[in-house]
N, C-alpha and C. Protein backbone atom coordinates (compact mmCIF):
# COMPACT_ATOMS: atom_id res chain seq x y z
N MET A 1 -26.56 -23.32 -4.45
CA MET A 1 -25.35 -22.73 -3.85
C MET A 1 -25.71 -21.35 -3.31
N THR A 2 -25.30 -21.00 -2.14
CA THR A 2 -25.58 -19.74 -1.52
C THR A 2 -24.58 -18.69 -2.03
N GLN A 3 -24.85 -17.44 -1.72
CA GLN A 3 -23.90 -16.35 -2.11
C GLN A 3 -22.57 -16.60 -1.46
N ASP A 4 -22.52 -16.99 -0.15
CA ASP A 4 -21.25 -17.23 0.54
C ASP A 4 -20.47 -18.38 -0.18
N ASP A 5 -21.24 -19.42 -0.59
CA ASP A 5 -20.56 -20.55 -1.26
C ASP A 5 -19.91 -20.08 -2.58
N GLY A 6 -20.66 -19.26 -3.31
CA GLY A 6 -20.15 -18.67 -4.58
C GLY A 6 -18.91 -17.78 -4.36
N GLU A 7 -18.97 -16.96 -3.28
CA GLU A 7 -17.84 -16.15 -2.93
C GLU A 7 -16.58 -16.99 -2.63
N LEU A 8 -16.84 -17.99 -1.81
CA LEU A 8 -15.74 -18.88 -1.42
C LEU A 8 -15.19 -19.64 -2.60
N ASP A 9 -16.06 -20.13 -3.49
CA ASP A 9 -15.59 -20.81 -4.70
C ASP A 9 -14.73 -19.86 -5.50
N SER A 10 -15.15 -18.66 -5.75
CA SER A 10 -14.37 -17.67 -6.50
C SER A 10 -13.11 -17.32 -5.83
N LEU A 11 -13.10 -17.16 -4.52
CA LEU A 11 -11.89 -16.83 -3.75
C LEU A 11 -10.85 -17.95 -3.83
N VAL A 12 -11.31 -19.21 -3.70
CA VAL A 12 -10.37 -20.30 -3.80
C VAL A 12 -9.73 -20.40 -5.14
N ARG A 13 -10.49 -20.20 -6.19
CA ARG A 13 -9.90 -20.20 -7.57
C ARG A 13 -8.89 -19.08 -7.76
N LYS A 14 -9.24 -17.90 -7.23
CA LYS A 14 -8.27 -16.78 -7.34
C LYS A 14 -7.01 -17.09 -6.50
N ARG A 15 -7.13 -17.70 -5.40
CA ARG A 15 -5.98 -18.06 -4.55
C ARG A 15 -5.07 -19.10 -5.28
N ILE A 16 -5.73 -20.08 -5.88
CA ILE A 16 -4.91 -21.08 -6.60
C ILE A 16 -4.08 -20.44 -7.67
N ARG A 17 -4.73 -19.58 -8.49
CA ARG A 17 -4.01 -18.95 -9.54
C ARG A 17 -2.97 -17.98 -8.98
N ALA A 18 -3.30 -17.16 -7.95
CA ALA A 18 -2.33 -16.16 -7.35
C ALA A 18 -1.12 -16.93 -6.76
N LEU A 19 -1.33 -18.08 -6.10
CA LEU A 19 -0.21 -18.80 -5.51
C LEU A 19 0.66 -19.39 -6.63
N ARG A 20 0.00 -19.90 -7.69
CA ARG A 20 0.78 -20.45 -8.83
C ARG A 20 1.63 -19.36 -9.46
N VAL A 21 1.06 -18.23 -9.70
CA VAL A 21 1.83 -17.06 -10.33
C VAL A 21 2.91 -16.62 -9.40
N ALA A 22 2.61 -16.52 -8.11
CA ALA A 22 3.67 -16.12 -7.12
C ALA A 22 4.89 -17.00 -7.09
N GLN A 23 4.64 -18.29 -7.41
CA GLN A 23 5.73 -19.29 -7.46
C GLN A 23 6.47 -19.20 -8.79
N GLY A 24 5.84 -18.46 -9.73
CA GLY A 24 6.49 -18.44 -11.06
C GLY A 24 6.20 -19.62 -11.93
N TRP A 25 5.15 -20.40 -11.58
CA TRP A 25 4.91 -21.64 -12.28
C TRP A 25 3.86 -21.40 -13.39
N SER A 26 4.04 -22.13 -14.45
CA SER A 26 3.04 -22.17 -15.52
C SER A 26 1.93 -23.10 -15.11
N LEU A 27 0.89 -23.12 -15.88
CA LEU A 27 -0.21 -24.04 -15.71
C LEU A 27 0.35 -25.43 -15.77
N GLU A 28 1.18 -25.69 -16.70
CA GLU A 28 1.81 -27.06 -16.89
C GLU A 28 2.60 -27.49 -15.65
N GLU A 29 3.37 -26.59 -15.09
CA GLU A 29 4.16 -26.94 -13.93
C GLU A 29 3.39 -27.29 -12.74
N LEU A 30 2.38 -26.45 -12.42
CA LEU A 30 1.47 -26.77 -11.30
C LEU A 30 0.66 -28.04 -11.58
N ALA A 31 0.16 -28.17 -12.82
CA ALA A 31 -0.60 -29.36 -13.13
C ALA A 31 0.21 -30.63 -12.90
N GLU A 32 1.44 -30.57 -13.32
CA GLU A 32 2.28 -31.76 -13.13
C GLU A 32 2.47 -32.02 -11.59
N ARG A 33 2.69 -31.00 -10.75
CA ARG A 33 2.89 -31.21 -9.36
C ARG A 33 1.68 -31.75 -8.71
N ALA A 34 0.46 -31.30 -9.25
CA ALA A 34 -0.80 -31.71 -8.61
C ALA A 34 -1.43 -32.89 -9.30
N HIS A 35 -0.70 -33.50 -10.23
CA HIS A 35 -1.21 -34.68 -10.93
C HIS A 35 -2.46 -34.45 -11.63
N LEU A 36 -2.60 -33.31 -12.36
CA LEU A 36 -3.74 -32.92 -13.11
C LEU A 36 -3.31 -32.56 -14.56
N SER A 37 -4.21 -32.56 -15.44
CA SER A 37 -3.88 -32.11 -16.77
C SER A 37 -3.89 -30.58 -16.76
N PRO A 38 -3.05 -29.95 -17.61
CA PRO A 38 -3.07 -28.45 -17.66
C PRO A 38 -4.47 -27.96 -18.01
N SER A 39 -5.20 -28.62 -18.91
CA SER A 39 -6.53 -28.09 -19.23
C SER A 39 -7.48 -28.18 -18.05
N SER A 40 -7.37 -29.29 -17.22
CA SER A 40 -8.22 -29.36 -16.03
C SER A 40 -7.88 -28.27 -15.04
N LEU A 41 -6.66 -27.98 -14.86
CA LEU A 41 -6.19 -26.89 -13.94
C LEU A 41 -6.67 -25.56 -14.47
N SER A 42 -6.61 -25.37 -15.77
CA SER A 42 -7.07 -24.08 -16.37
C SER A 42 -8.57 -23.94 -16.13
N ARG A 43 -9.33 -24.98 -16.33
CA ARG A 43 -10.78 -24.93 -16.07
C ARG A 43 -11.09 -24.72 -14.62
N ILE A 44 -10.31 -25.30 -13.70
CA ILE A 44 -10.52 -25.03 -12.24
C ILE A 44 -10.24 -23.55 -11.97
N GLU A 45 -9.14 -23.01 -12.46
CA GLU A 45 -8.84 -21.60 -12.17
C GLU A 45 -9.90 -20.64 -12.78
N ASN A 46 -10.46 -21.03 -13.94
CA ASN A 46 -11.38 -20.16 -14.63
C ASN A 46 -12.89 -20.37 -14.26
N GLY A 47 -13.13 -21.31 -13.32
CA GLY A 47 -14.49 -21.54 -12.84
C GLY A 47 -15.30 -22.36 -13.81
N GLN A 48 -14.65 -23.08 -14.77
CA GLN A 48 -15.44 -23.91 -15.72
C GLN A 48 -15.46 -25.40 -15.30
N ARG A 49 -14.85 -25.66 -14.17
CA ARG A 49 -14.87 -27.01 -13.64
C ARG A 49 -15.15 -26.96 -12.15
N ARG A 50 -15.95 -27.87 -11.69
CA ARG A 50 -16.34 -27.97 -10.28
C ARG A 50 -15.07 -28.25 -9.45
N LEU A 51 -15.00 -27.65 -8.28
CA LEU A 51 -13.89 -27.86 -7.31
C LEU A 51 -14.22 -29.08 -6.47
N ALA A 52 -13.38 -30.11 -6.58
CA ALA A 52 -13.57 -31.31 -5.81
C ALA A 52 -12.62 -31.33 -4.63
N LEU A 53 -13.04 -31.88 -3.46
CA LEU A 53 -12.31 -31.84 -2.29
C LEU A 53 -10.92 -32.51 -2.48
N ASP A 54 -10.85 -33.66 -3.12
CA ASP A 54 -9.60 -34.38 -3.34
C ASP A 54 -8.63 -33.52 -4.19
N GLN A 55 -9.15 -32.79 -5.21
CA GLN A 55 -8.30 -31.94 -5.99
C GLN A 55 -7.80 -30.77 -5.17
N LEU A 56 -8.65 -30.19 -4.30
CA LEU A 56 -8.18 -29.11 -3.41
C LEU A 56 -7.07 -29.55 -2.46
N VAL A 57 -7.18 -30.70 -1.93
CA VAL A 57 -6.13 -31.24 -1.07
C VAL A 57 -4.88 -31.35 -1.81
N THR A 58 -4.91 -31.96 -2.99
CA THR A 58 -3.73 -32.10 -3.89
C THR A 58 -3.15 -30.73 -4.31
N LEU A 59 -3.98 -29.85 -4.66
CA LEU A 59 -3.54 -28.47 -5.04
C LEU A 59 -2.89 -27.79 -3.87
N ALA A 60 -3.51 -27.87 -2.72
CA ALA A 60 -2.94 -27.24 -1.51
C ALA A 60 -1.51 -27.73 -1.26
N ARG A 61 -1.36 -29.04 -1.31
CA ARG A 61 -0.03 -29.63 -1.09
C ARG A 61 0.95 -29.16 -2.16
N ALA A 62 0.56 -29.18 -3.41
CA ALA A 62 1.41 -28.77 -4.52
C ALA A 62 1.80 -27.28 -4.41
N LEU A 63 0.90 -26.45 -3.82
CA LEU A 63 1.18 -24.99 -3.65
C LEU A 63 1.85 -24.74 -2.32
N ASP A 64 2.19 -25.77 -1.59
CA ASP A 64 2.86 -25.64 -0.27
C ASP A 64 2.08 -24.77 0.68
N THR A 65 0.81 -25.13 0.81
CA THR A 65 -0.08 -24.43 1.75
C THR A 65 -1.01 -25.52 2.31
N SER A 66 -1.84 -25.14 3.24
CA SER A 66 -2.77 -26.09 3.84
C SER A 66 -4.20 -25.88 3.19
N LEU A 67 -4.99 -26.89 3.28
CA LEU A 67 -6.36 -26.82 2.79
C LEU A 67 -7.08 -25.71 3.55
N ASP A 68 -6.85 -25.61 4.88
CA ASP A 68 -7.44 -24.57 5.64
C ASP A 68 -7.19 -23.20 5.12
N GLN A 69 -5.91 -22.95 4.74
CA GLN A 69 -5.54 -21.60 4.27
C GLN A 69 -6.15 -21.34 2.86
N LEU A 70 -6.21 -22.42 2.12
CA LEU A 70 -6.75 -22.31 0.76
C LEU A 70 -8.19 -21.97 0.70
N VAL A 71 -8.97 -22.46 1.69
CA VAL A 71 -10.46 -22.27 1.71
C VAL A 71 -10.93 -21.28 2.77
N GLU A 72 -10.06 -20.72 3.52
CA GLU A 72 -10.44 -19.81 4.62
C GLU A 72 -11.13 -18.60 4.04
N MET A 73 -12.33 -18.31 4.60
CA MET A 73 -13.06 -17.11 4.22
C MET A 73 -12.44 -15.95 5.08
N ASP A 74 -12.02 -14.95 4.35
CA ASP A 74 -11.42 -13.76 5.07
C ASP A 74 -12.51 -12.79 5.35
N THR A 75 -13.03 -12.92 6.60
CA THR A 75 -14.16 -12.02 6.98
C THR A 75 -13.73 -10.87 7.89
N GLN A 76 -12.42 -10.85 8.26
CA GLN A 76 -11.98 -9.79 9.19
C GLN A 76 -11.78 -8.51 8.45
N ASP A 77 -11.98 -7.44 9.20
CA ASP A 77 -11.65 -6.11 8.58
C ASP A 77 -10.18 -6.05 8.36
N VAL A 78 -9.82 -5.27 7.33
CA VAL A 78 -8.43 -5.09 7.04
C VAL A 78 -7.81 -3.96 7.91
N LEU A 79 -8.60 -2.92 8.12
CA LEU A 79 -8.11 -1.76 8.85
C LEU A 79 -8.36 -1.94 10.37
N SER A 80 -7.40 -1.44 11.14
CA SER A 80 -7.53 -1.46 12.63
C SER A 80 -7.23 -0.08 13.15
N ASN A 81 -8.09 0.39 14.09
CA ASN A 81 -7.90 1.64 14.65
C ASN A 81 -7.17 1.49 15.95
N PRO A 82 -6.32 2.39 16.33
CA PRO A 82 -5.59 2.26 17.61
C PRO A 82 -6.49 2.63 18.78
N MET A 83 -6.10 2.08 19.95
CA MET A 83 -6.69 2.45 21.19
C MET A 83 -5.68 3.37 21.82
N ILE A 84 -6.04 4.52 22.27
CA ILE A 84 -5.10 5.53 22.83
C ILE A 84 -5.18 5.52 24.33
N ASP A 85 -4.00 5.40 24.90
CA ASP A 85 -3.87 5.42 26.35
C ASP A 85 -3.10 6.76 26.62
N GLY A 86 -3.83 7.83 26.75
CA GLY A 86 -3.28 9.15 26.99
C GLY A 86 -2.47 9.24 28.25
N ALA A 87 -2.82 8.55 29.26
CA ALA A 87 -2.18 8.59 30.59
C ALA A 87 -0.73 8.11 30.44
N HIS A 88 -0.51 7.13 29.59
CA HIS A 88 0.87 6.58 29.45
C HIS A 88 1.55 7.00 28.10
N GLY A 89 0.82 7.78 27.26
CA GLY A 89 1.35 8.28 26.00
C GLY A 89 1.63 7.14 25.01
N VAL A 90 0.74 6.19 24.95
CA VAL A 90 0.94 5.11 23.96
C VAL A 90 -0.33 4.85 23.17
N MET A 91 -0.14 4.38 21.93
CA MET A 91 -1.24 3.87 21.10
C MET A 91 -0.96 2.41 20.96
N ARG A 92 -1.99 1.61 20.97
CA ARG A 92 -1.82 0.16 20.82
C ARG A 92 -2.86 -0.36 19.80
N TRP A 93 -2.46 -1.44 19.07
CA TRP A 93 -3.27 -2.07 18.09
C TRP A 93 -3.27 -3.52 18.39
N PRO A 94 -4.48 -4.20 18.42
CA PRO A 94 -4.47 -5.64 18.48
C PRO A 94 -4.10 -6.21 17.15
N ILE A 95 -3.45 -7.37 17.09
CA ILE A 95 -3.10 -7.99 15.84
C ILE A 95 -4.14 -9.10 15.68
N LYS A 96 -4.96 -8.98 14.69
CA LYS A 96 -6.10 -9.88 14.49
C LYS A 96 -5.66 -11.31 14.21
N ALA A 97 -4.58 -11.44 13.40
CA ALA A 97 -4.17 -12.77 12.97
C ALA A 97 -3.63 -13.59 14.13
N ASP A 98 -3.10 -12.92 15.14
CA ASP A 98 -2.55 -13.61 16.32
C ASP A 98 -2.89 -12.80 17.51
N PRO A 99 -4.01 -13.11 18.23
CA PRO A 99 -4.42 -12.35 19.36
C PRO A 99 -3.42 -12.40 20.47
N GLY A 100 -2.41 -13.23 20.43
CA GLY A 100 -1.34 -13.19 21.50
C GLY A 100 -0.36 -12.13 21.29
N LEU A 101 -0.36 -11.50 20.11
CA LEU A 101 0.60 -10.41 19.88
C LEU A 101 -0.07 -9.08 20.09
N THR A 102 0.67 -8.11 20.54
CA THR A 102 0.19 -6.77 20.75
C THR A 102 1.21 -5.76 20.21
N VAL A 103 0.75 -4.72 19.56
CA VAL A 103 1.63 -3.66 19.12
C VAL A 103 1.38 -2.37 19.90
N ILE A 104 2.43 -1.80 20.34
CA ILE A 104 2.34 -0.49 21.06
C ILE A 104 3.20 0.53 20.39
N ARG A 105 2.69 1.69 20.09
CA ARG A 105 3.47 2.81 19.59
C ARG A 105 3.69 3.79 20.72
N GLN A 106 4.94 4.20 20.88
CA GLN A 106 5.30 5.02 22.04
C GLN A 106 6.31 6.07 21.68
N ARG A 107 6.18 7.25 22.17
CA ARG A 107 7.17 8.32 22.01
C ARG A 107 8.03 8.28 23.33
N MET A 108 9.28 8.09 23.17
CA MET A 108 10.18 7.97 24.33
C MET A 108 10.99 9.22 24.44
N THR A 109 11.20 9.73 25.59
CA THR A 109 12.08 10.91 25.85
C THR A 109 13.13 10.72 26.87
N ASN A 110 13.14 9.54 27.56
CA ASN A 110 14.17 9.32 28.57
C ASN A 110 15.27 8.37 28.10
N PRO A 111 16.48 8.61 28.58
CA PRO A 111 17.56 7.66 28.21
C PRO A 111 17.31 6.32 28.98
N PRO A 112 17.99 5.27 28.64
CA PRO A 112 17.79 4.05 29.31
C PRO A 112 18.33 4.18 30.74
N PRO A 113 17.91 3.29 31.67
CA PRO A 113 18.33 3.40 33.02
C PRO A 113 19.88 3.24 33.12
N ASP A 114 20.47 3.92 34.11
CA ASP A 114 21.92 3.82 34.21
C ASP A 114 22.32 2.65 35.14
N SER A 115 21.37 1.98 35.75
CA SER A 115 21.63 0.94 36.68
C SER A 115 21.09 -0.41 36.14
N PRO A 116 21.99 -1.40 36.04
CA PRO A 116 21.48 -2.71 35.61
C PRO A 116 20.36 -3.27 36.48
N ALA A 117 20.28 -2.83 37.70
CA ALA A 117 19.22 -3.34 38.58
C ALA A 117 17.86 -2.89 38.09
N ARG A 118 17.79 -1.88 37.19
CA ARG A 118 16.49 -1.40 36.69
C ARG A 118 16.10 -2.09 35.39
N MET A 119 16.89 -3.03 34.92
CA MET A 119 16.55 -3.80 33.71
C MET A 119 15.61 -4.89 34.03
N ARG A 120 14.76 -5.32 33.14
CA ARG A 120 13.74 -6.37 33.38
C ARG A 120 14.15 -7.60 32.67
N ALA A 121 13.70 -8.74 33.17
CA ALA A 121 13.82 -10.03 32.53
C ALA A 121 12.49 -10.79 32.81
N HIS A 122 11.98 -11.46 31.82
CA HIS A 122 10.73 -12.17 31.96
C HIS A 122 10.56 -13.07 30.73
N PRO A 123 9.67 -14.08 30.84
CA PRO A 123 9.45 -14.93 29.65
C PRO A 123 8.87 -14.15 28.54
N GLY A 124 9.14 -14.57 27.31
CA GLY A 124 8.49 -13.96 26.16
C GLY A 124 9.52 -13.56 25.08
N ARG A 125 9.02 -12.85 24.12
CA ARG A 125 9.76 -12.31 23.02
C ARG A 125 9.19 -10.91 22.65
N GLU A 126 10.13 -10.03 22.33
CA GLU A 126 9.72 -8.70 21.92
C GLU A 126 10.44 -8.28 20.65
N TRP A 127 9.74 -7.39 19.90
CA TRP A 127 10.32 -6.80 18.68
C TRP A 127 10.25 -5.32 18.89
N LEU A 128 11.21 -4.59 18.48
CA LEU A 128 11.29 -3.07 18.57
C LEU A 128 11.55 -2.57 17.21
N VAL A 129 10.77 -1.64 16.70
CA VAL A 129 11.01 -0.96 15.45
C VAL A 129 11.04 0.52 15.74
N VAL A 130 12.15 1.20 15.31
CA VAL A 130 12.27 2.58 15.58
C VAL A 130 11.73 3.38 14.41
N LEU A 131 10.68 4.13 14.64
CA LEU A 131 10.05 4.93 13.58
C LEU A 131 10.72 6.24 13.34
N SER A 132 11.27 6.84 14.40
CA SER A 132 12.03 8.11 14.27
C SER A 132 12.96 8.26 15.43
N GLY A 133 14.06 8.99 15.25
CA GLY A 133 15.02 9.17 16.29
C GLY A 133 15.88 7.98 16.43
N VAL A 134 16.55 7.85 17.57
CA VAL A 134 17.42 6.79 17.90
C VAL A 134 17.10 6.16 19.24
N ALA A 135 16.96 4.87 19.32
CA ALA A 135 16.64 4.21 20.63
C ALA A 135 17.93 3.54 21.04
N VAL A 136 18.10 3.36 22.39
CA VAL A 136 19.16 2.61 22.94
C VAL A 136 18.53 1.40 23.63
N LEU A 137 18.98 0.18 23.25
CA LEU A 137 18.49 -1.04 23.81
C LEU A 137 19.61 -1.68 24.62
N LEU A 138 19.36 -1.74 25.91
CA LEU A 138 20.28 -2.46 26.81
C LEU A 138 19.79 -3.89 26.77
N LEU A 139 20.64 -4.80 26.47
CA LEU A 139 20.29 -6.22 26.35
C LEU A 139 21.35 -7.03 26.96
N GLY A 140 21.15 -7.54 28.20
CA GLY A 140 22.22 -8.21 28.96
C GLY A 140 23.37 -7.19 29.16
N ASN A 141 24.56 -7.54 28.75
CA ASN A 141 25.69 -6.68 28.92
C ASN A 141 25.97 -5.76 27.69
N ARG A 142 25.04 -5.86 26.72
CA ARG A 142 25.25 -5.08 25.49
C ARG A 142 24.41 -3.81 25.52
N ARG A 143 24.95 -2.83 24.86
CA ARG A 143 24.28 -1.51 24.63
C ARG A 143 24.18 -1.33 23.12
N LEU A 144 22.98 -1.46 22.58
CA LEU A 144 22.75 -1.40 21.13
C LEU A 144 22.08 -0.09 20.76
N ARG A 145 22.59 0.51 19.70
CA ARG A 145 22.00 1.73 19.14
C ARG A 145 21.10 1.30 18.01
N VAL A 146 19.83 1.55 18.12
CA VAL A 146 18.81 1.14 17.10
C VAL A 146 18.28 2.45 16.49
N GLU A 147 18.64 2.68 15.16
CA GLU A 147 18.35 3.89 14.48
C GLU A 147 17.02 3.81 13.75
N THR A 148 16.56 4.94 13.23
CA THR A 148 15.29 5.04 12.45
C THR A 148 15.31 3.91 11.37
N ASN A 149 14.18 3.25 11.31
CA ASN A 149 13.94 2.12 10.36
C ASN A 149 14.72 0.86 10.62
N GLN A 150 15.36 0.81 11.77
CA GLN A 150 16.03 -0.45 12.16
C GLN A 150 15.05 -1.13 13.17
N ALA A 151 15.29 -2.44 13.35
CA ALA A 151 14.45 -3.23 14.23
C ALA A 151 15.34 -4.14 15.02
N ALA A 152 14.88 -4.56 16.16
CA ALA A 152 15.54 -5.52 16.99
C ALA A 152 14.50 -6.53 17.48
N GLU A 153 14.91 -7.79 17.57
CA GLU A 153 14.11 -8.89 18.07
C GLU A 153 14.94 -9.57 19.13
N PHE A 154 14.32 -9.82 20.28
CA PHE A 154 15.13 -10.42 21.40
C PHE A 154 14.19 -11.21 22.32
N PRO A 155 14.81 -12.28 22.89
CA PRO A 155 14.08 -13.01 23.99
C PRO A 155 14.12 -12.16 25.25
N THR A 156 12.97 -12.05 25.90
CA THR A 156 12.96 -11.18 27.09
C THR A 156 13.46 -11.81 28.36
N MET A 157 13.96 -13.02 28.27
CA MET A 157 14.62 -13.62 29.44
C MET A 157 16.01 -12.93 29.67
N LEU A 158 16.49 -12.25 28.61
CA LEU A 158 17.72 -11.41 28.78
C LEU A 158 17.31 -10.18 29.47
N PRO A 159 17.98 -9.71 30.49
CA PRO A 159 17.65 -8.43 31.12
C PRO A 159 17.68 -7.34 30.05
N HIS A 160 16.73 -6.46 30.05
CA HIS A 160 16.60 -5.43 28.98
C HIS A 160 16.00 -4.17 29.43
N ALA A 161 16.25 -3.12 28.78
CA ALA A 161 15.62 -1.87 28.97
C ALA A 161 15.84 -1.03 27.68
N ILE A 162 14.94 -0.10 27.47
CA ILE A 162 14.97 0.76 26.24
C ILE A 162 14.82 2.21 26.64
N GLY A 163 15.56 3.05 25.96
CA GLY A 163 15.53 4.47 26.22
C GLY A 163 15.91 5.15 24.91
N THR A 164 16.23 6.44 24.97
CA THR A 164 16.54 7.25 23.82
C THR A 164 18.04 7.57 23.85
N ALA A 165 18.54 8.00 22.70
CA ALA A 165 19.90 8.50 22.59
C ALA A 165 19.95 9.91 22.20
N GLY A 166 19.92 10.82 23.23
CA GLY A 166 20.09 12.19 23.00
C GLY A 166 18.83 13.03 22.53
N GLY A 167 17.72 12.42 22.35
CA GLY A 167 16.55 13.10 21.96
C GLY A 167 15.39 12.19 21.84
N PRO A 168 14.23 12.71 21.68
CA PRO A 168 13.06 11.85 21.63
C PRO A 168 13.13 10.86 20.42
N CYS A 169 12.49 9.68 20.62
CA CYS A 169 12.30 8.79 19.54
C CYS A 169 10.89 8.18 19.65
N GLU A 170 10.46 7.69 18.49
CA GLU A 170 9.18 7.02 18.42
C GLU A 170 9.44 5.59 18.02
N ILE A 171 8.79 4.65 18.77
CA ILE A 171 9.05 3.23 18.53
C ILE A 171 7.71 2.50 18.42
N LEU A 172 7.75 1.34 17.75
CA LEU A 172 6.75 0.34 17.85
C LEU A 172 7.31 -0.83 18.57
N GLY A 173 6.62 -1.23 19.62
CA GLY A 173 6.99 -2.40 20.35
C GLY A 173 5.99 -3.53 20.09
N ILE A 174 6.45 -4.70 19.72
CA ILE A 174 5.57 -5.81 19.47
C ILE A 174 5.86 -6.91 20.52
N PHE A 175 4.85 -7.26 21.25
CA PHE A 175 5.02 -8.15 22.41
C PHE A 175 4.19 -9.40 22.21
N ASP A 176 4.82 -10.57 22.47
CA ASP A 176 4.00 -11.81 22.51
C ASP A 176 3.32 -11.79 23.89
N ARG A 177 2.38 -12.73 24.06
CA ARG A 177 1.56 -12.77 25.28
C ARG A 177 2.42 -12.81 26.54
N ASP A 178 3.48 -13.59 26.58
CA ASP A 178 4.31 -13.70 27.78
C ASP A 178 5.05 -12.40 28.05
N ALA A 179 5.58 -11.78 26.98
CA ALA A 179 6.30 -10.54 27.20
C ALA A 179 5.35 -9.45 27.64
N ARG A 180 4.14 -9.42 27.12
CA ARG A 180 3.24 -8.45 27.60
C ARG A 180 2.93 -8.55 29.08
N ARG A 181 2.79 -9.80 29.52
CA ARG A 181 2.56 -10.03 30.97
C ARG A 181 3.75 -9.59 31.83
N GLY A 182 4.92 -9.67 31.26
CA GLY A 182 6.11 -9.36 31.97
C GLY A 182 6.35 -7.90 32.25
N HIS A 183 5.55 -7.07 31.61
CA HIS A 183 5.67 -5.63 31.87
C HIS A 183 4.61 -5.08 32.78
N LYS A 184 4.57 -5.72 33.88
CA LYS A 184 3.60 -5.24 34.97
C LYS A 184 4.00 -3.84 35.36
N GLY A 185 2.98 -2.96 35.54
CA GLY A 185 3.25 -1.63 36.02
C GLY A 185 3.52 -0.69 34.90
N GLU A 186 3.72 -1.24 33.67
CA GLU A 186 3.92 -0.36 32.50
C GLU A 186 2.59 -0.32 31.67
N PRO A 187 2.55 0.55 30.67
CA PRO A 187 1.30 0.59 29.91
C PRO A 187 1.00 -0.84 29.36
N GLN A 188 -0.20 -1.28 29.65
CA GLN A 188 -0.53 -2.65 29.28
C GLN A 188 -1.67 -2.64 28.27
N PRO A 189 -1.55 -3.48 27.23
CA PRO A 189 -2.68 -3.70 26.34
C PRO A 189 -3.72 -4.46 27.02
N ASP A 190 -4.93 -4.41 26.51
CA ASP A 190 -6.01 -5.23 27.08
C ASP A 190 -5.88 -6.68 26.79
């Protein structure tokens, strides 16, 4: 067995136990769901019994996860540094788990447009989280006030625009791939 195999084996055993505990299940409860004896499950979790593929499949189902998620080696870095676009005053972070999503942090100082003709509509979905201040979200015919620590999620096929309410605000915008493409001419993530 290689070092990577040993690490994976240990990781899978820890995941099984952590998922069982997160569900609030005893060894007996999970063992019953997975059609194992409690002592066999205990030996699996403690590394005293070999992990068999058929048992992993059964355990994954019993834990309401997939085999892929149960055995996935997590080799990605946990921390991510922002890319700074000084020309547009934004920081952006790629989301490693879903490369189709992009996060942009932006300080806004302008109110939303006063003309509906300046609102955008395009395919996709966006999320807006206000970090400080108050943002105004124009969404179709609605004018929504989004305060610090509030969030909004909306389909971008609705005409929309974002601005501030009386002072600067700082926001996180999260864009799916289609929404990101729809903001041509605005600060774009790579």
